[in-house]
Amino acid sequence: MKLNRFILFSSAIFLFFSCGNNSNNEPIVLVNGEKWEVIESMVGYIRTMEKDVALFERSEEKDYQLLADKLSDNIGLLTSNCTMKGAAHDEMHKWLLPYIGLVKELSKAKGDADSAAVYSEIQNSFKEYNQYFK
């Protein structure tokens, strides 16, 4: 199971870097003041990850590794089913690449304090996603 997660996660990283869009430091911009539309099939994976993050906040047992595994699985599914094109796709990269990095960081975090800090950044990442995408 961990090998499958590693393969999916590695594939996701490769896919996004192979697109030639290395824009993880550029700000996301709105399209004519409006949020970017994300295709429905991809929104499902993003909302599942967002839900997992929200449920984790309310859970008593804080298993950060389990959360990281769930998020990694959905990142793999999201990237392997990506059919977006054009400017919306490019803007999505600006959010997704840093998010993938945070999930990877969460999976490698040492101790609850480090994990909690990364988890907080992941929560903020979803606030950013909702600010720019619908």
N, C-alpha and C. Protein backbone atom coordinates (compact mmCIF):
# COMPACT_ATOMS: atom_id res chain seq x y z
N MET A 1 0.82 -1.19 0.00
CA MET A 1 0.00 0.00 0.00
C MET A 1 0.87 1.26 0.00
N LYS A 2 1.93 1.27 0.82
CA LYS A 2 2.80 2.44 0.84
C LYS A 2 3.52 2.62 -0.49
N LEU A 3 3.87 1.50 -1.14
CA LEU A 3 4.52 1.58 -2.44
C LEU A 3 3.57 2.21 -3.45
N ASN A 4 2.30 1.84 -3.41
CA ASN A 4 1.31 2.44 -4.31
C ASN A 4 1.19 3.94 -4.08
N ARG A 5 1.18 4.35 -2.81
CA ARG A 5 1.12 5.78 -2.49
C ARG A 5 2.34 6.49 -3.01
N PHE A 6 3.49 5.88 -2.84
CA PHE A 6 4.73 6.48 -3.32
C PHE A 6 4.70 6.64 -4.83
N ILE A 7 4.23 5.62 -5.52
CA ILE A 7 4.16 5.67 -6.97
C ILE A 7 3.18 6.75 -7.42
N LEU A 8 2.01 6.81 -6.80
CA LEU A 8 1.04 7.84 -7.15
C LEU A 8 1.58 9.24 -6.87
N PHE A 9 2.20 9.41 -5.72
CA PHE A 9 2.73 10.71 -5.34
C PHE A 9 3.87 11.12 -6.28
N SER A 10 4.75 10.17 -6.59
CA SER A 10 5.86 10.44 -7.51
C SER A 10 5.33 10.79 -8.89
N SER A 11 4.31 10.08 -9.32
CA SER A 11 3.70 10.36 -10.62
C SER A 11 3.11 11.77 -10.65
N ALA A 12 2.47 12.15 -9.55
CA ALA A 12 1.88 13.48 -9.47
C ALA A 12 2.95 14.56 -9.58
N ILE A 13 4.02 14.39 -8.86
CA ILE A 13 5.12 15.36 -8.92
C ILE A 13 5.68 15.43 -10.34
N PHE A 14 5.94 14.27 -10.92
CA PHE A 14 6.49 14.22 -12.27
C PHE A 14 5.56 14.90 -13.26
N LEU A 15 4.26 14.59 -13.17
CA LEU A 15 3.29 15.15 -14.09
C LEU A 15 3.31 16.67 -14.04
N PHE A 16 3.31 17.22 -12.86
CA PHE A 16 3.23 18.67 -12.76
C PHE A 16 4.52 19.37 -13.15
N PHE A 17 5.65 18.77 -12.87
CA PHE A 17 6.89 19.39 -13.30
C PHE A 17 7.13 19.17 -14.78
N SER A 18 6.63 18.08 -15.33
CA SER A 18 6.84 17.81 -16.74
C SER A 18 5.99 18.70 -17.63
N CYS A 19 4.98 19.34 -17.09
CA CYS A 19 4.15 20.24 -17.89
C CYS A 19 4.90 21.50 -18.28
N GLY A 20 6.06 21.72 -17.67
CA GLY A 20 6.84 22.90 -17.99
C GLY A 20 6.35 24.14 -17.27
N ASN A 21 5.49 23.97 -16.33
CA ASN A 21 4.96 25.09 -15.57
C ASN A 21 5.55 25.05 -14.18
N ASN A 22 6.59 25.78 -13.97
CA ASN A 22 7.30 25.80 -12.70
C ASN A 22 6.94 27.07 -11.96
N SER A 23 5.65 27.28 -11.71
CA SER A 23 5.14 28.57 -11.26
C SER A 23 4.74 28.61 -9.80
N ASN A 24 5.33 27.79 -8.96
CA ASN A 24 4.85 27.73 -7.59
C ASN A 24 5.18 28.96 -6.76
N ASN A 25 5.92 29.93 -7.30
CA ASN A 25 6.18 31.16 -6.57
C ASN A 25 5.39 32.34 -7.12
N GLU A 26 4.69 32.13 -8.21
CA GLU A 26 3.90 33.19 -8.81
C GLU A 26 2.55 33.28 -8.12
N PRO A 27 2.03 34.50 -7.97
CA PRO A 27 0.70 34.63 -7.37
C PRO A 27 -0.39 34.15 -8.31
N ILE A 28 -1.44 33.60 -7.75
CA ILE A 28 -2.60 33.20 -8.53
C ILE A 28 -3.39 34.46 -8.84
N VAL A 29 -3.87 34.55 -10.06
CA VAL A 29 -4.68 35.71 -10.44
C VAL A 29 -6.08 35.24 -10.83
N LEU A 30 -7.04 36.10 -10.60
CA LEU A 30 -8.42 35.81 -11.00
C LEU A 30 -8.57 36.09 -12.50
N VAL A 31 -9.60 35.52 -13.08
CA VAL A 31 -9.90 35.78 -14.49
C VAL A 31 -10.99 36.84 -14.55
N ASN A 32 -10.62 38.04 -14.98
CA ASN A 32 -11.56 39.16 -15.05
C ASN A 32 -12.29 39.36 -13.72
N GLY A 33 -11.56 39.20 -12.62
CA GLY A 33 -12.14 39.39 -11.29
C GLY A 33 -12.98 38.23 -10.79
N GLU A 34 -13.07 37.17 -11.56
CA GLU A 34 -13.87 36.00 -11.20
C GLU A 34 -12.98 34.80 -10.89
N LYS A 35 -13.52 33.87 -10.11
CA LYS A 35 -12.80 32.65 -9.79
C LYS A 35 -12.68 31.76 -11.03
N TRP A 36 -11.60 30.99 -11.06
CA TRP A 36 -11.38 30.03 -12.14
C TRP A 36 -12.29 28.83 -11.96
N GLU A 37 -12.81 28.33 -13.06
CA GLU A 37 -13.64 27.14 -13.01
C GLU A 37 -12.75 25.90 -13.10
N VAL A 38 -12.98 24.96 -12.20
CA VAL A 38 -12.26 23.70 -12.18
C VAL A 38 -13.24 22.63 -12.66
N ILE A 39 -12.76 21.74 -13.52
CA ILE A 39 -13.67 20.73 -14.04
C ILE A 39 -14.18 19.83 -12.92
N GLU A 40 -15.41 19.40 -13.08
CA GLU A 40 -16.12 18.69 -12.02
C GLU A 40 -15.38 17.46 -11.52
N SER A 41 -14.79 16.70 -12.42
CA SER A 41 -14.11 15.48 -11.99
C SER A 41 -12.94 15.78 -11.06
N MET A 42 -12.29 16.90 -11.25
CA MET A 42 -11.16 17.27 -10.39
C MET A 42 -11.64 17.88 -9.07
N VAL A 43 -12.72 18.62 -9.13
CA VAL A 43 -13.26 19.25 -7.92
C VAL A 43 -13.57 18.18 -6.87
N GLY A 44 -14.05 17.03 -7.30
CA GLY A 44 -14.38 15.97 -6.36
C GLY A 44 -13.20 15.55 -5.51
N TYR A 45 -12.03 15.39 -6.13
CA TYR A 45 -10.83 15.01 -5.37
C TYR A 45 -10.39 16.13 -4.43
N ILE A 46 -10.51 17.36 -4.90
CA ILE A 46 -10.11 18.50 -4.06
C ILE A 46 -11.05 18.61 -2.86
N ARG A 47 -12.33 18.46 -3.09
CA ARG A 47 -13.30 18.55 -1.97
C ARG A 47 -13.13 17.39 -0.99
N THR A 48 -12.76 16.22 -1.50
CA THR A 48 -12.49 15.10 -0.59
C THR A 48 -11.32 15.42 0.31
N MET A 49 -10.25 16.00 -0.25
CA MET A 49 -9.09 16.37 0.56
C MET A 49 -9.45 17.45 1.56
N GLU A 50 -10.23 18.42 1.11
CA GLU A 50 -10.64 19.51 2.00
C GLU A 50 -11.48 18.95 3.15
N LYS A 51 -12.36 18.02 2.84
CA LYS A 51 -13.19 17.38 3.87
C LYS A 51 -12.33 16.60 4.86
N ASP A 52 -11.33 15.85 4.35
CA ASP A 52 -10.43 15.11 5.24
C ASP A 52 -9.70 16.04 6.19
N VAL A 53 -9.27 17.19 5.68
CA VAL A 53 -8.58 18.18 6.51
C VAL A 53 -9.52 18.73 7.57
N ALA A 54 -10.76 19.03 7.18
CA ALA A 54 -11.74 19.56 8.14
C ALA A 54 -12.10 18.52 9.20
N LEU A 55 -12.29 17.28 8.80
CA LEU A 55 -12.61 16.22 9.77
C LEU A 55 -11.45 15.99 10.73
N PHE A 56 -10.25 16.11 10.24
CA PHE A 56 -9.07 15.93 11.09
C PHE A 56 -9.05 16.97 12.21
N GLU A 57 -9.47 18.18 11.89
CA GLU A 57 -9.51 19.26 12.89
C GLU A 57 -10.38 18.87 14.08
N ARG A 58 -11.47 18.16 13.81
CA ARG A 58 -12.42 17.79 14.87
C ARG A 58 -12.12 16.45 15.52
N SER A 59 -11.16 15.70 14.97
CA SER A 59 -10.87 14.38 15.52
C SER A 59 -10.04 14.49 16.80
N GLU A 60 -10.28 13.58 17.69
CA GLU A 60 -9.54 13.58 18.95
C GLU A 60 -8.13 13.01 18.78
N GLU A 61 -8.03 11.95 18.00
CA GLU A 61 -6.72 11.35 17.75
C GLU A 61 -6.10 12.00 16.52
N LYS A 62 -4.93 12.57 16.69
CA LYS A 62 -4.27 13.30 15.61
C LYS A 62 -3.19 12.42 14.97
N ASP A 63 -3.62 11.63 14.00
CA ASP A 63 -2.70 10.78 13.26
C ASP A 63 -2.32 11.50 11.97
N TYR A 64 -1.29 12.32 12.07
CA TYR A 64 -0.86 13.14 10.94
C TYR A 64 -0.41 12.29 9.75
N GLN A 65 0.22 11.17 10.03
CA GLN A 65 0.70 10.31 8.94
C GLN A 65 -0.48 9.74 8.16
N LEU A 66 -1.52 9.33 8.85
CA LEU A 66 -2.70 8.81 8.18
C LEU A 66 -3.33 9.88 7.30
N LEU A 67 -3.41 11.11 7.81
CA LEU A 67 -3.94 12.21 7.02
C LEU A 67 -3.07 12.44 5.78
N ALA A 68 -1.76 12.47 5.98
CA ALA A 68 -0.85 12.67 4.85
C ALA A 68 -1.04 11.58 3.79
N ASP A 69 -1.23 10.36 4.24
CA ASP A 69 -1.45 9.24 3.31
C ASP A 69 -2.74 9.43 2.51
N LYS A 70 -3.82 9.83 3.20
CA LYS A 70 -5.09 10.07 2.52
C LYS A 70 -4.96 11.18 1.48
N LEU A 71 -4.31 12.27 1.89
CA LEU A 71 -4.14 13.40 0.98
C LEU A 71 -3.27 13.01 -0.22
N SER A 72 -2.21 12.25 0.04
CA SER A 72 -1.33 11.79 -1.05
C SER A 72 -2.09 10.93 -2.04
N ASP A 73 -2.93 10.04 -1.53
CA ASP A 73 -3.73 9.18 -2.41
C ASP A 73 -4.61 10.03 -3.33
N ASN A 74 -5.26 11.04 -2.76
CA ASN A 74 -6.13 11.89 -3.56
C ASN A 74 -5.37 12.79 -4.52
N ILE A 75 -4.18 13.20 -4.15
CA ILE A 75 -3.34 13.96 -5.07
C ILE A 75 -3.02 13.10 -6.29
N GLY A 76 -2.68 11.84 -6.05
CA GLY A 76 -2.41 10.93 -7.15
C GLY A 76 -3.60 10.77 -8.07
N LEU A 77 -4.77 10.62 -7.48
CA LEU A 77 -5.99 10.49 -8.28
C LEU A 77 -6.31 11.78 -9.04
N LEU A 78 -6.13 12.90 -8.37
CA LEU A 78 -6.39 14.19 -8.99
C LEU A 78 -5.48 14.39 -10.21
N THR A 79 -4.21 14.18 -10.03
CA THR A 79 -3.27 14.45 -11.11
C THR A 79 -3.38 13.43 -12.24
N SER A 80 -3.68 12.19 -11.91
CA SER A 80 -3.79 11.20 -12.97
C SER A 80 -5.08 11.35 -13.77
N ASN A 81 -6.04 12.10 -13.25
CA ASN A 81 -7.30 12.34 -13.95
C ASN A 81 -7.43 13.78 -14.45
N CYS A 82 -6.34 14.49 -14.48
CA CYS A 82 -6.37 15.90 -14.90
C CYS A 82 -6.60 16.01 -16.40
N THR A 83 -7.65 16.73 -16.76
CA THR A 83 -7.93 16.99 -18.16
C THR A 83 -8.06 18.49 -18.42
N MET A 84 -7.71 19.30 -17.44
CA MET A 84 -7.80 20.75 -17.60
C MET A 84 -6.74 21.21 -18.59
N LYS A 85 -7.06 22.30 -19.27
CA LYS A 85 -6.15 22.89 -20.25
C LYS A 85 -6.18 24.41 -20.08
N GLY A 86 -5.21 25.05 -20.68
CA GLY A 86 -5.22 26.50 -20.77
C GLY A 86 -4.89 27.23 -19.49
N ALA A 87 -5.37 28.46 -19.42
CA ALA A 87 -5.04 29.35 -18.30
C ALA A 87 -5.53 28.82 -16.96
N ALA A 88 -6.72 28.22 -16.93
CA ALA A 88 -7.24 27.67 -15.67
C ALA A 88 -6.30 26.59 -15.15
N HIS A 89 -5.80 25.76 -16.04
CA HIS A 89 -4.84 24.71 -15.68
C HIS A 89 -3.56 25.33 -15.12
N ASP A 90 -3.07 26.36 -15.79
CA ASP A 90 -1.84 27.02 -15.34
C ASP A 90 -2.01 27.65 -13.96
N GLU A 91 -3.17 28.28 -13.75
CA GLU A 91 -3.42 28.89 -12.44
C GLU A 91 -3.57 27.81 -11.37
N MET A 92 -4.17 26.69 -11.72
CA MET A 92 -4.31 25.58 -10.77
C MET A 92 -2.95 25.07 -10.32
N HIS A 93 -1.99 25.05 -11.23
CA HIS A 93 -0.63 24.64 -10.88
C HIS A 93 -0.06 25.52 -9.77
N LYS A 94 -0.36 26.80 -9.83
CA LYS A 94 0.17 27.74 -8.85
C LYS A 94 -0.32 27.41 -7.44
N TRP A 95 -1.50 26.83 -7.35
CA TRP A 95 -1.99 26.38 -6.04
C TRP A 95 -1.53 24.97 -5.74
N LEU A 96 -1.61 24.09 -6.71
CA LEU A 96 -1.40 22.68 -6.47
C LEU A 96 0.05 22.32 -6.15
N LEU A 97 1.00 22.91 -6.84
CA LEU A 97 2.40 22.56 -6.56
C LEU A 97 2.81 22.83 -5.12
N PRO A 98 2.52 24.02 -4.59
CA PRO A 98 2.84 24.24 -3.17
C PRO A 98 2.05 23.31 -2.24
N TYR A 99 0.80 23.03 -2.60
CA TYR A 99 -0.02 22.12 -1.79
C TYR A 99 0.61 20.73 -1.76
N ILE A 100 1.03 20.23 -2.90
CA ILE A 100 1.70 18.93 -2.95
C ILE A 100 2.93 18.94 -2.06
N GLY A 101 3.68 20.03 -2.09
CA GLY A 101 4.85 20.16 -1.23
C GLY A 101 4.49 20.11 0.25
N LEU A 102 3.39 20.74 0.62
CA LEU A 102 2.95 20.71 2.02
C LEU A 102 2.57 19.31 2.46
N VAL A 103 1.88 18.58 1.60
CA VAL A 103 1.48 17.22 1.94
C VAL A 103 2.71 16.34 2.09
N LYS A 104 3.66 16.53 1.21
CA LYS A 104 4.92 15.77 1.31
C LYS A 104 5.63 16.12 2.62
N GLU A 105 5.64 17.40 2.95
CA GLU A 105 6.25 17.86 4.20
C GLU A 105 5.54 17.25 5.41
N LEU A 106 4.21 17.18 5.35
CA LEU A 106 3.44 16.58 6.45
C LEU A 106 3.82 15.12 6.62
N SER A 107 4.00 14.42 5.54
CA SER A 107 4.33 12.98 5.62
C SER A 107 5.71 12.75 6.21
N LYS A 108 6.58 13.77 6.16
CA LYS A 108 7.94 13.63 6.68
C LYS A 108 8.16 14.37 8.01
N ALA A 109 7.13 15.05 8.50
CA ALA A 109 7.26 15.86 9.71
C ALA A 109 7.67 15.00 10.90
N LYS A 110 8.52 15.58 11.71
CA LYS A 110 9.02 14.90 12.92
C LYS A 110 8.35 15.52 14.13
N GLY A 111 7.46 14.78 14.74
CA GLY A 111 6.81 15.23 15.97
C GLY A 111 5.53 16.00 15.72
N ASP A 112 4.71 16.06 16.75
CA ASP A 112 3.41 16.69 16.65
C ASP A 112 3.49 18.19 16.41
N ALA A 113 4.49 18.87 16.97
CA ALA A 113 4.60 20.32 16.79
C ALA A 113 4.86 20.65 15.32
N ASP A 114 5.79 19.95 14.70
CA ASP A 114 6.07 20.17 13.27
C ASP A 114 4.85 19.81 12.43
N SER A 115 4.23 18.69 12.74
CA SER A 115 3.06 18.24 11.99
C SER A 115 1.92 19.24 12.11
N ALA A 116 1.70 19.76 13.30
CA ALA A 116 0.62 20.72 13.52
C ALA A 116 0.86 22.00 12.72
N ALA A 117 2.11 22.43 12.63
CA ALA A 117 2.43 23.64 11.87
C ALA A 117 2.16 23.43 10.38
N VAL A 118 2.55 22.29 9.86
CA VAL A 118 2.31 21.99 8.44
C VAL A 118 0.82 21.83 8.20
N TYR A 119 0.12 21.17 9.11
CA TYR A 119 -1.32 21.00 9.00
C TYR A 119 -2.01 22.37 8.89
N SER A 120 -1.58 23.32 9.68
CA SER A 120 -2.14 24.67 9.64
C SER A 120 -1.92 25.30 8.26
N GLU A 121 -0.75 25.08 7.69
CA GLU A 121 -0.48 25.61 6.34
C GLU A 121 -1.38 24.94 5.30
N ILE A 122 -1.66 23.67 5.48
CA ILE A 122 -2.56 22.96 4.57
C ILE A 122 -3.97 23.54 4.67
N GLN A 123 -4.41 23.83 5.89
CA GLN A 123 -5.72 24.46 6.07
C GLN A 123 -5.77 25.80 5.33
N ASN A 124 -4.71 26.58 5.47
CA ASN A 124 -4.65 27.88 4.78
C ASN A 124 -4.62 27.71 3.27
N SER A 125 -4.02 26.63 2.81
CA SER A 125 -3.96 26.36 1.38
C SER A 125 -5.37 26.19 0.81
N PHE A 126 -6.25 25.54 1.57
CA PHE A 126 -7.62 25.39 1.09
C PHE A 126 -8.38 26.71 1.12
N LYS A 127 -8.05 27.59 2.03
CA LYS A 127 -8.65 28.93 2.02
C LYS A 127 -8.24 29.66 0.74
N GLU A 128 -6.96 29.51 0.38
CA GLU A 128 -6.47 30.12 -0.85
C GLU A 128 -7.16 29.51 -2.08
N TYR A 129 -7.28 28.18 -2.09
CA TYR A 129 -7.96 27.52 -3.20
C TYR A 129 -9.36 28.10 -3.38
N ASN A 130 -10.11 28.22 -2.31
CA ASN A 130 -11.48 28.71 -2.38
C ASN A 130 -11.58 30.18 -2.74
N GLN A 131 -10.50 30.89 -2.57
CA GLN A 131 -10.46 32.30 -2.94
C GLN A 131 -10.34 32.46 -4.46
N TYR A 132 -9.69 31.51 -5.12
CA TYR A 132 -9.38 31.65 -6.54
C TYR A 132 -10.09 30.66 -7.47
N PHE A 133 -10.67 29.60 -6.91
CA PHE A 133 -11.26 28.56 -7.76
C PHE A 133 -12.67 28.22 -7.30
N LYS A 134 -13.49 27.82 -8.29
CA LYS A 134 -14.85 27.39 -7.97
C LYS A 134 -15.09 26.00 -8.49
